[in-house]
């Protein structure tokens, strides 16, 4: 159950990073999790697809590294993507 919440947190954190860095097409995401975690690249991708996010697709590579880290914590190791500085702008 905790892993489900972590996957949702990954989704939110990645979207925040994409907004911050004007990423419109996520090409690579690497996260690290505790070695006993059930988080997979498929579960992360499924979270984006279930929320109809068009930031991921066939072009997206996701890697989940299992490490001896604190349980129920996720670290975004790196994120890469195509940028468009105008995409996240709002008229205020």
C-alpha atoms as a PDB file:
ATOM      1  CA  UNK A   1       0.000   0.000   0.000  1.00  0.00           C
ATOM      2  CA  UNK A   2       2.830   2.398   0.830  1.00  0.00           C
ATOM      3  CA  UNK A   3       4.281   1.849  -2.636  1.00  0.00           C
ATOM      4  CA  UNK A   4       1.026   3.051  -4.199  1.00  0.00           C
ATOM      5  CA  UNK A   5       1.347   6.337  -2.342  1.00  0.00           C
ATOM      6  CA  UNK A   6       4.999   6.601  -3.353  1.00  0.00           C
ATOM      7  CA  UNK A   7       4.097   6.150  -7.020  1.00  0.00           C
ATOM      8  CA  UNK A   8       1.573   8.976  -6.690  1.00  0.00           C
ATOM      9  CA  UNK A   9       4.263  11.102  -5.046  1.00  0.00           C
ATOM     10  CA  UNK A  10       6.669  10.325  -7.897  1.00  0.00           C
ATOM     11  CA  UNK A  11       4.023  11.457 -10.371  1.00  0.00           C
ATOM     12  CA  UNK A  12       3.502  14.748  -8.553  1.00  0.00           C
ATOM     13  CA  UNK A  13       7.210  15.427  -8.091  1.00  0.00           C
ATOM     14  CA  UNK A  14       7.988  14.678 -11.737  1.00  0.00           C
ATOM     15  CA  UNK A  15       5.224  17.000 -12.934  1.00  0.00           C
ATOM     16  CA  UNK A  16       6.538  19.729 -10.646  1.00  0.00           C
ATOM     17  CA  UNK A  17      10.049  19.280 -12.061  1.00  0.00           C
ATOM     18  CA  UNK A  18       8.696  19.310 -15.611  1.00  0.00           C
ATOM     19  CA  UNK A  19       6.920  22.608 -14.932  1.00  0.00           C
ATOM     20  CA  UNK A  20       9.995  24.060 -13.251  1.00  0.00           C
ATOM     21  CA  UNK A  21      12.294  23.133 -16.144  1.00  0.00           C
ATOM     22  CA  UNK A  22       9.759  23.539 -18.995  1.00  0.00           C
ATOM     23  CA  UNK A  23       9.894  19.838 -19.921  1.00  0.00           C
ATOM     24  CA  UNK A  24       7.063  18.909 -22.265  1.00  0.00           C
ATOM     25  CA  UNK A  25       8.217  15.442 -23.303  1.00  0.00           C
ATOM     26  CA  UNK A  26       9.808  13.243 -20.645  1.00  0.00           C
ATOM     27  CA  UNK A  27      12.535  11.162 -22.265  1.00  0.00           C
ATOM     28  CA  UNK A  28      14.283   9.657 -19.251  1.00  0.00           C
ATOM     29  CA  UNK A  29      13.457   9.193 -15.579  1.00  0.00           C
ATOM     30  CA  UNK A  30      15.608   7.338 -13.072  1.00  0.00           C
ATOM     31  CA  UNK A  31      14.477   6.819  -9.490  1.00  0.00           C
ATOM     32  CA  UNK A  32      15.979   4.861  -6.627  1.00  0.00           C
ATOM     33  CA  UNK A  33      13.946   2.969  -4.054  1.00  0.00           C
ATOM     34  CA  UNK A  34      14.575   0.564  -1.179  1.00  0.00           C
ATOM     35  CA  UNK A  35      15.580  -2.891  -2.325  1.00  0.00           C
ATOM     36  CA  UNK A  36      12.338  -4.397  -0.966  1.00  0.00           C
ATOM     37  CA  UNK A  37      10.088  -1.892  -2.736  1.00  0.00           C
ATOM     38  CA  UNK A  38       7.527  -3.178  -5.218  1.00  0.00           C
ATOM     39  CA  UNK A  39       7.750  -0.028  -7.358  1.00  0.00           C
ATOM     40  CA  UNK A  40       8.492  -0.827 -10.998  1.00  0.00           C
ATOM     41  CA  UNK A  41       8.879   1.170 -14.172  1.00  0.00           C
ATOM     42  CA  UNK A  42       5.501  -0.239 -15.208  1.00  0.00           C
ATOM     43  CA  UNK A  43       3.775   1.041 -12.062  1.00  0.00           C
ATOM     44  CA  UNK A  44       5.230   4.522 -12.591  1.00  0.00           C
ATOM     45  CA  UNK A  45       4.222   4.573 -16.262  1.00  0.00           C
ATOM     46  CA  UNK A  46       0.740   3.300 -15.365  1.00  0.00           C
ATOM     47  CA  UNK A  47       0.295   6.270 -12.987  1.00  0.00           C
ATOM     48  CA  UNK A  48       1.000   8.725 -15.814  1.00  0.00           C
ATOM     49  CA  UNK A  49      -1.227   6.872 -18.276  1.00  0.00           C
ATOM     50  CA  UNK A  50      -4.114   6.592 -15.792  1.00  0.00           C
ATOM     51  CA  UNK A  51      -4.009  10.370 -15.360  1.00  0.00           C
ATOM     52  CA  UNK A  52      -3.983  10.911 -19.131  1.00  0.00           C
ATOM     53  CA  UNK A  53      -0.594  12.600 -19.005  1.00  0.00           C
ATOM     54  CA  UNK A  54       0.793  13.173 -22.490  1.00  0.00           C
ATOM     55  CA  UNK A  55       4.228  14.007 -21.132  1.00  0.00           C
ATOM     56  CA  UNK A  56       5.197  10.305 -21.336  1.00  0.00           C
ATOM     57  CA  UNK A  57       4.942   7.883 -24.232  1.00  0.00           C
ATOM     58  CA  UNK A  58       6.890   5.360 -26.282  1.00  0.00           C
ATOM     59  CA  UNK A  59       9.832   7.780 -26.160  1.00  0.00           C
ATOM     60  CA  UNK A  60      10.073   7.611 -22.335  1.00  0.00           C
ATOM     61  CA  UNK A  61      12.679   5.442 -20.642  1.00  0.00           C
ATOM     62  CA  UNK A  62      12.041   4.760 -16.950  1.00  0.00           C
ATOM     63  CA  UNK A  63      14.516   3.002 -14.669  1.00  0.00           C
ATOM     64  CA  UNK A  64      13.985   1.976 -11.067  1.00  0.00           C
ATOM     65  CA  UNK A  65      17.182   1.291  -9.140  1.00  0.00           C
ATOM     66  CA  UNK A  66      16.905  -0.871  -6.023  1.00  0.00           C
ATOM     67  CA  UNK A  67      19.301   0.304  -3.320  1.00  0.00           C
ATOM     68  CA  UNK A  68      19.941  -0.057   0.380  1.00  0.00           C
ATOM     69  CA  UNK A  69      18.089   3.128   1.312  1.00  0.00           C
ATOM     70  CA  UNK A  70      15.454   4.168   3.782  1.00  0.00           C
ATOM     71  CA  UNK A  71      12.183   2.307   3.327  1.00  0.00           C
ATOM     72  CA  UNK A  72       9.245   4.206   1.846  1.00  0.00           C
ATOM     73  CA  UNK A  73      11.482   6.896   0.364  1.00  0.00           C
ATOM     74  CA  UNK A  74      12.090   7.590  -3.307  1.00  0.00           C
ATOM     75  CA  UNK A  75      14.909   9.615  -4.777  1.00  0.00           C
ATOM     76  CA  UNK A  76      14.664  11.047  -8.266  1.00  0.00           C
ATOM     77  CA  UNK A  77      18.174  10.420  -9.526  1.00  0.00           C
ATOM     78  CA  UNK A  78      17.716  12.284 -12.782  1.00  0.00           C
ATOM     79  CA  UNK A  79      15.150  13.472 -15.246  1.00  0.00           C
ATOM     80  CA  UNK A  80      15.630  14.441 -18.885  1.00  0.00           C
ATOM     81  CA  UNK A  81      13.251  15.663 -21.526  1.00  0.00           C
ATOM     82  CA  UNK A  82      12.480  17.989 -24.392  1.00  0.00           C
ATOM     83  CA  UNK A  83      11.889  21.543 -23.301  1.00  0.00           C
ATOM     84  CA  UNK A  84       9.543  24.292 -24.450  1.00  0.00           C
ATOM     85  CA  UNK A  85       9.870  27.426 -22.299  1.00  0.00           C
ATOM     86  CA  UNK A  86       6.463  28.743 -23.400  1.00  0.00           C
ATOM     87  CA  UNK A  87       4.381  25.646 -22.636  1.00  0.00           C
ATOM     88  CA  UNK A  88       3.933  26.133 -18.874  1.00  0.00           C
ATOM     89  CA  UNK A  89       3.367  29.895 -18.994  1.00  0.00           C
ATOM     90  CA  UNK A  90       0.027  31.194 -17.858  1.00  0.00           C
ATOM     91  CA  UNK A  91      -1.484  34.567 -18.555  1.00  0.00           C
ATOM     92  CA  UNK A  92      -1.789  36.230 -15.188  1.00  0.00           C
END
